[in-house]
């Protein structure tokens, strides 16, 4: 519709009094208004869903990110302990540390592994709980900008359709006067 409308506009510049082109322009503007209005309605419905999805996205982020940070910290600690495990075993065998110290080290390593598993499970549970539509703020903002742009576009199209209608009415009135004048002749 937009391409056809541009073509008609270009032709009207060359022949502004062409009634057929003016009528086509009027029809194309009406189609554009209808299509843009439909798009706006669809975007507004999407915005309603987006409000809920944004809230879900924010709640997900608030729940998930602390778990992720803690898991990263525990995993880093666990990797350090695992890297020292062989060294601690050698120190035990050499008699440099006591069995109690080695057992405390081993318990600390096992506790870190257990906590890492618990955090991974908690993150999996959060993912299941918040499965479905969730969006972030930038996606939400993009949708809001699209709505504003579409509303402005619709207003412009309605204004153009109204001006075109007025022009077509003036042309019809002038044609009527010419016809009346020709009838008198």
C-alpha atoms as a PDB file:
ATOM      1  CA  UNK A   1       0.000   0.000   0.000  1.00  0.00           C
ATOM      2  CA  UNK A   2       2.800   2.411   0.891  1.00  0.00           C
ATOM      3  CA  UNK A   3       4.581   1.807  -2.446  1.00  0.00           C
ATOM      4  CA  UNK A   4       1.370   2.297  -4.406  1.00  0.00           C
ATOM      5  CA  UNK A   5       0.636   5.453  -2.420  1.00  0.00           C
ATOM      6  CA  UNK A   6       4.091   6.848  -3.240  1.00  0.00           C
ATOM      7  CA  UNK A   7       3.528   6.068  -6.924  1.00  0.00           C
ATOM      8  CA  UNK A   8       0.171   7.884  -6.883  1.00  0.00           C
ATOM      9  CA  UNK A   9       1.714  10.860  -5.036  1.00  0.00           C
ATOM     10  CA  UNK A  10       4.453  11.074  -7.681  1.00  0.00           C
ATOM     11  CA  UNK A  11       1.895  10.985 -10.494  1.00  0.00           C
ATOM     12  CA  UNK A  12      -0.273  13.598  -8.775  1.00  0.00           C
ATOM     13  CA  UNK A  13       2.662  16.001  -8.745  1.00  0.00           C
ATOM     14  CA  UNK A  14       2.667  15.798 -12.537  1.00  0.00           C
ATOM     15  CA  UNK A  15      -1.139  15.935 -12.866  1.00  0.00           C
ATOM     16  CA  UNK A  16      -2.689  17.383  -9.660  1.00  0.00           C
ATOM     17  CA  UNK A  17      -6.190  17.585 -11.131  1.00  0.00           C
ATOM     18  CA  UNK A  18      -6.493  13.919 -12.141  1.00  0.00           C
ATOM     19  CA  UNK A  19      -9.652  12.741 -10.378  1.00  0.00           C
ATOM     20  CA  UNK A  20      -8.844   9.063 -10.850  1.00  0.00           C
ATOM     21  CA  UNK A  21      -5.476   9.505  -9.139  1.00  0.00           C
ATOM     22  CA  UNK A  22      -7.088  11.505  -6.333  1.00  0.00           C
ATOM     23  CA  UNK A  23      -9.663   8.746  -5.819  1.00  0.00           C
ATOM     24  CA  UNK A  24      -6.892   6.129  -5.796  1.00  0.00           C
ATOM     25  CA  UNK A  25      -4.964   8.209  -3.284  1.00  0.00           C
ATOM     26  CA  UNK A  26      -8.038   8.420  -1.075  1.00  0.00           C
ATOM     27  CA  UNK A  27      -8.563   4.626  -1.206  1.00  0.00           C
ATOM     28  CA  UNK A  28      -4.879   3.925  -0.520  1.00  0.00           C
ATOM     29  CA  UNK A  29      -4.835   6.338   2.403  1.00  0.00           C
ATOM     30  CA  UNK A  30      -7.920   4.654   3.841  1.00  0.00           C
ATOM     31  CA  UNK A  31      -6.221   1.258   3.479  1.00  0.00           C
ATOM     32  CA  UNK A  32      -3.081   2.600   5.151  1.00  0.00           C
ATOM     33  CA  UNK A  33      -5.100   4.057   8.014  1.00  0.00           C
ATOM     34  CA  UNK A  34      -6.858   0.730   8.514  1.00  0.00           C
ATOM     35  CA  UNK A  35      -3.627  -1.288   8.367  1.00  0.00           C
ATOM     36  CA  UNK A  36      -1.841   1.090  10.732  1.00  0.00           C
ATOM     37  CA  UNK A  37      -4.794   1.058  13.107  1.00  0.00           C
ATOM     38  CA  UNK A  38      -4.726  -2.753  13.133  1.00  0.00           C
ATOM     39  CA  UNK A  39      -0.985  -2.688  13.792  1.00  0.00           C
ATOM     40  CA  UNK A  40      -1.492  -0.259  16.667  1.00  0.00           C
ATOM     41  CA  UNK A  41      -4.178  -2.476  18.224  1.00  0.00           C
ATOM     42  CA  UNK A  42      -1.875  -5.482  17.945  1.00  0.00           C
ATOM     43  CA  UNK A  43       0.987  -3.549  19.522  1.00  0.00           C
ATOM     44  CA  UNK A  44      -1.220  -2.397  22.391  1.00  0.00           C
ATOM     45  CA  UNK A  45      -2.272  -5.994  23.071  1.00  0.00           C
ATOM     46  CA  UNK A  46       1.391  -6.985  22.975  1.00  0.00           C
ATOM     47  CA  UNK A  47       2.156  -4.178  25.429  1.00  0.00           C
ATOM     48  CA  UNK A  48      -0.322  -5.628  27.908  1.00  0.00           C
ATOM     49  CA  UNK A  49       1.459  -8.971  27.708  1.00  0.00           C
ATOM     50  CA  UNK A  50       4.806  -7.198  27.799  1.00  0.00           C
ATOM     51  CA  UNK A  51       3.954  -5.577  31.135  1.00  0.00           C
ATOM     52  CA  UNK A  52       3.511  -9.030  32.650  1.00  0.00           C
ATOM     53  CA  UNK A  53       6.576 -10.413  30.863  1.00  0.00           C
ATOM     54  CA  UNK A  54       8.696  -7.508  32.095  1.00  0.00           C
ATOM     55  CA  UNK A  55       7.567  -8.109  35.672  1.00  0.00           C
ATOM     56  CA  UNK A  56       8.403 -11.811  35.270  1.00  0.00           C
ATOM     57  CA  UNK A  57      11.767 -10.905  33.766  1.00  0.00           C
ATOM     58  CA  UNK A  58      12.577  -8.581  36.652  1.00  0.00           C
ATOM     59  CA  UNK A  59      11.499 -11.145  39.258  1.00  0.00           C
ATOM     60  CA  UNK A  60      13.548 -13.813  37.473  1.00  0.00           C
ATOM     61  CA  UNK A  61      16.606 -11.586  37.411  1.00  0.00           C
ATOM     62  CA  UNK A  62      16.251 -10.704  41.106  1.00  0.00           C
ATOM     63  CA  UNK A  63      15.987 -14.389  42.021  1.00  0.00           C
ATOM     64  CA  UNK A  64      18.485 -15.877  39.578  1.00  0.00           C
ATOM     65  CA  UNK A  65      21.402 -13.443  39.749  1.00  0.00           C
ATOM     66  CA  UNK A  66      22.206 -13.876  43.482  1.00  0.00           C
ATOM     67  CA  UNK A  67      22.185 -17.650  43.021  1.00  0.00           C
ATOM     68  CA  UNK A  68      24.478 -17.349  40.006  1.00  0.00           C
ATOM     69  CA  UNK A  69      26.895 -15.097  41.890  1.00  0.00           C
ATOM     70  CA  UNK A  70      27.025 -17.445  44.852  1.00  0.00           C
ATOM     71  CA  UNK A  71      27.534 -20.441  42.560  1.00  0.00           C
ATOM     72  CA  UNK A  72      30.404 -18.643  40.810  1.00  0.00           C
ATOM     73  CA  UNK A  73      32.020 -17.900  44.184  1.00  0.00           C
ATOM     74  CA  UNK A  74      31.544 -21.466  45.467  1.00  0.00           C
ATOM     75  CA  UNK A  75      32.818 -22.921  42.182  1.00  0.00           C
ATOM     76  CA  UNK A  76      35.951 -20.765  42.309  1.00  0.00           C
ATOM     77  CA  UNK A  77      36.577 -21.831  45.902  1.00  0.00           C
ATOM     78  CA  UNK A  78      35.948 -25.472  45.002  1.00  0.00           C
ATOM     79  CA  UNK A  79      38.400 -25.313  42.054  1.00  0.00           C
ATOM     80  CA  UNK A  80      41.039 -23.911  44.414  1.00  0.00           C
ATOM     81  CA  UNK A  81      40.417 -26.673  46.941  1.00  0.00           C
ATOM     82  CA  UNK A  82      40.509 -29.343  44.225  1.00  0.00           C
ATOM     83  CA  UNK A  83      43.806 -27.927  42.958  1.00  0.00           C
ATOM     84  CA  UNK A  84      45.230 -28.296  46.497  1.00  0.00           C
ATOM     85  CA  UNK A  85      43.801 -31.792  47.118  1.00  0.00           C
ATOM     86  CA  UNK A  86      46.828 -33.674  45.794  1.00  0.00           C
ATOM     87  CA  UNK A  87      49.183 -31.398  47.699  1.00  0.00           C
ATOM     88  CA  UNK A  88      47.241 -31.979  50.924  1.00  0.00           C
ATOM     89  CA  UNK A  89      47.361 -35.757  50.357  1.00  0.00           C
ATOM     90  CA  UNK A  90      51.130 -35.592  49.888  1.00  0.00           C
ATOM     91  CA  UNK A  91      51.490 -33.479  53.054  1.00  0.00           C
ATOM     92  CA  UNK A  92      49.436 -36.059  54.978  1.00  0.00           C
ATOM     93  CA  UNK A  93      51.558 -38.917  53.637  1.00  0.00           C
ATOM     94  CA  UNK A  94      54.747 -37.007  54.509  1.00  0.00           C
ATOM     95  CA  UNK A  95      53.453 -36.262  57.999  1.00  0.00           C
ATOM     96  CA  UNK A  96      53.458 -32.491  57.466  1.00  0.00           C
ATOM     97  CA  UNK A  97      49.774 -32.240  58.459  1.00  0.00           C
ATOM     98  CA  UNK A  98      47.649 -34.283  60.814  1.00  0.00           C
ATOM     99  CA  UNK A  99      44.815 -36.565  59.829  1.00  0.00           C
ATOM    100  CA  UNK A 100      42.423 -34.124  61.504  1.00  0.00           C
ATOM    101  CA  UNK A 101      43.712 -31.281  59.308  1.00  0.00           C
ATOM    102  CA  UNK A 102      43.397 -33.440  56.201  1.00  0.00           C
ATOM    103  CA  UNK A 103      39.885 -34.531  57.234  1.00  0.00           C
ATOM    104  CA  UNK A 104      38.910 -30.867  57.794  1.00  0.00           C
ATOM    105  CA  UNK A 105      40.258 -30.024  54.326  1.00  0.00           C
ATOM    106  CA  UNK A 106      38.371 -32.954  52.776  1.00  0.00           C
ATOM    107  CA  UNK A 107      35.167 -31.963  54.593  1.00  0.00           C
ATOM    108  CA  UNK A 108      35.544 -28.387  53.363  1.00  0.00           C
ATOM    109  CA  UNK A 109      35.947 -29.666  49.776  1.00  0.00           C
ATOM    110  CA  UNK A 110      32.908 -31.940  50.085  1.00  0.00           C
ATOM    111  CA  UNK A 111      30.843 -29.100  51.591  1.00  0.00           C
ATOM    112  CA  UNK A 112      31.803 -26.872  48.644  1.00  0.00           C
ATOM    113  CA  UNK A 113      30.781 -29.611  46.163  1.00  0.00           C
ATOM    114  CA  UNK A 114      27.497 -30.148  48.006  1.00  0.00           C
ATOM    115  CA  UNK A 115      26.745 -26.411  48.070  1.00  0.00           C
ATOM    116  CA  UNK A 116      27.557 -26.120  44.346  1.00  0.00           C
ATOM    117  CA  UNK A 117      25.097 -28.931  43.598  1.00  0.00           C
ATOM    118  CA  UNK A 118      22.435 -27.284  45.782  1.00  0.00           C
ATOM    119  CA  UNK A 119      22.899 -23.965  43.975  1.00  0.00           C
ATOM    120  CA  UNK A 120      22.741 -25.605  40.554  1.00  0.00           C
ATOM    121  CA  UNK A 121      19.484 -27.287  41.565  1.00  0.00           C
ATOM    122  CA  UNK A 122      18.102 -24.001  42.901  1.00  0.00           C
ATOM    123  CA  UNK A 123      18.969 -22.268  39.622  1.00  0.00           C
ATOM    124  CA  UNK A 124      17.277 -25.061  37.671  1.00  0.00           C
ATOM    125  CA  UNK A 125      14.180 -24.660  39.860  1.00  0.00           C
ATOM    126  CA  UNK A 126      14.155 -20.897  39.234  1.00  0.00           C
ATOM    127  CA  UNK A 127      14.403 -21.519  35.480  1.00  0.00           C
ATOM    128  CA  UNK A 128      11.423 -23.877  35.685  1.00  0.00           C
ATOM    129  CA  UNK A 129       9.438 -21.464  37.860  1.00  0.00           C
ATOM    130  CA  UNK A 130       9.994 -18.558  35.474  1.00  0.00           C
ATOM    131  CA  UNK A 131       9.748 -20.545  32.254  1.00  0.00           C
ATOM    132  CA  UNK A 132       7.708 -18.767  29.624  1.00  0.00           C
ATOM    133  CA  UNK A 133       7.465 -15.198  28.490  1.00  0.00           C
ATOM    134  CA  UNK A 134       9.897 -12.823  30.132  1.00  0.00           C
ATOM    135  CA  UNK A 135      11.554  -9.789  28.634  1.00  0.00           C
ATOM    136  CA  UNK A 136      14.118  -7.291  29.766  1.00  0.00           C
ATOM    137  CA  UNK A 137      13.788  -3.528  29.981  1.00  0.00           C
ATOM    138  CA  UNK A 138      15.402  -2.840  26.587  1.00  0.00           C
ATOM    139  CA  UNK A 139      12.910  -5.113  24.801  1.00  0.00           C
ATOM    140  CA  UNK A 140      10.042  -3.457  26.660  1.00  0.00           C
ATOM    141  CA  UNK A 141      11.330   0.009  25.767  1.00  0.00           C
ATOM    142  CA  UNK A 142      11.632  -0.974  22.092  1.00  0.00           C
ATOM    143  CA  UNK A 143       7.984  -2.058  22.082  1.00  0.00           C
ATOM    144  CA  UNK A 144       6.908   1.226  23.684  1.00  0.00           C
ATOM    145  CA  UNK A 145       8.848   3.202  21.044  1.00  0.00           C
ATOM    146  CA  UNK A 146       7.177   1.173  18.288  1.00  0.00           C
ATOM    147  CA  UNK A 147       3.752   1.998  19.738  1.00  0.00           C
ATOM    148  CA  UNK A 148       4.508   5.737  19.835  1.00  0.00           C
ATOM    149  CA  UNK A 149       5.885   5.643  16.289  1.00  0.00           C
ATOM    150  CA  UNK A 150       2.809   3.793  15.036  1.00  0.00           C
ATOM    151  CA  UNK A 151       0.463   6.224  16.796  1.00  0.00           C
ATOM    152  CA  UNK A 152       2.255   9.157  15.142  1.00  0.00           C
ATOM    153  CA  UNK A 153       2.164   7.409  11.774  1.00  0.00           C
ATOM    154  CA  UNK A 154      -1.568   6.786  12.165  1.00  0.00           C
ATOM    155  CA  UNK A 155      -2.184  10.445  13.016  1.00  0.00           C
ATOM    156  CA  UNK A 156      -0.211  11.556   9.945  1.00  0.00           C
ATOM    157  CA  UNK A 157      -2.128   9.153   7.705  1.00  0.00           C
ATOM    158  CA  UNK A 158      -5.475  10.333   9.068  1.00  0.00           C
ATOM    159  CA  UNK A 159      -4.465  13.956   8.456  1.00  0.00           C
ATOM    160  CA  UNK A 160      -3.371  13.122   4.903  1.00  0.00           C
ATOM    161  CA  UNK A 161      -6.626  11.238   4.250  1.00  0.00           C
ATOM    162  CA  UNK A 162      -8.654  14.194   5.521  1.00  0.00           C
ATOM    163  CA  UNK A 163      -6.721  16.668   3.328  1.00  0.00           C
ATOM    164  CA  UNK A 164      -7.123  14.358   0.344  1.00  0.00           C
ATOM    165  CA  UNK A 165     -10.840  14.132   0.983  1.00  0.00           C
ATOM    166  CA  UNK A 166     -11.119  17.919   1.107  1.00  0.00           C
ATOM    167  CA  UNK A 167      -9.141  18.224  -2.143  1.00  0.00           C
ATOM    168  CA  UNK A 168     -11.325  15.628  -3.819  1.00  0.00           C
ATOM    169  CA  UNK A 169     -14.451  17.467  -2.614  1.00  0.00           C
ATOM    170  CA  UNK A 170     -13.181  20.777  -4.001  1.00  0.00           C
ATOM    171  CA  UNK A 171     -12.397  19.107  -7.333  1.00  0.00           C
ATOM    172  CA  UNK A 172     -15.878  17.560  -7.457  1.00  0.00           C
ATOM    173  CA  UNK A 173     -17.445  20.964  -6.723  1.00  0.00           C
ATOM    174  CA  UNK A 174     -15.391  22.588  -9.462  1.00  0.00           C
ATOM    175  CA  UNK A 175     -16.356  19.818 -11.872  1.00  0.00           C
ATOM    176  CA  UNK A 176     -19.997  20.410 -10.969  1.00  0.00           C
ATOM    177  CA  UNK A 177     -19.682  24.116 -11.700  1.00  0.00           C
ATOM    178  CA  UNK A 178     -18.009  23.376 -15.059  1.00  0.00           C
ATOM    179  CA  UNK A 179     -20.759  20.897 -15.879  1.00  0.00           C
ATOM    180  CA  UNK A 180     -23.430  23.428 -14.944  1.00  0.00           C
ATOM    181  CA  UNK A 181     -21.711  26.080 -17.019  1.00  0.00           C
ATOM    182  CA  UNK A 182     -21.360  23.717 -19.959  1.00  0.00           C
ATOM    183  CA  UNK A 183     -25.069  22.834 -19.676  1.00  0.00           C
ATOM    184  CA  UNK A 184     -26.010  26.494 -19.896  1.00  0.00           C
ATOM    185  CA  UNK A 185     -23.882  26.931 -23.000  1.00  0.00           C
END
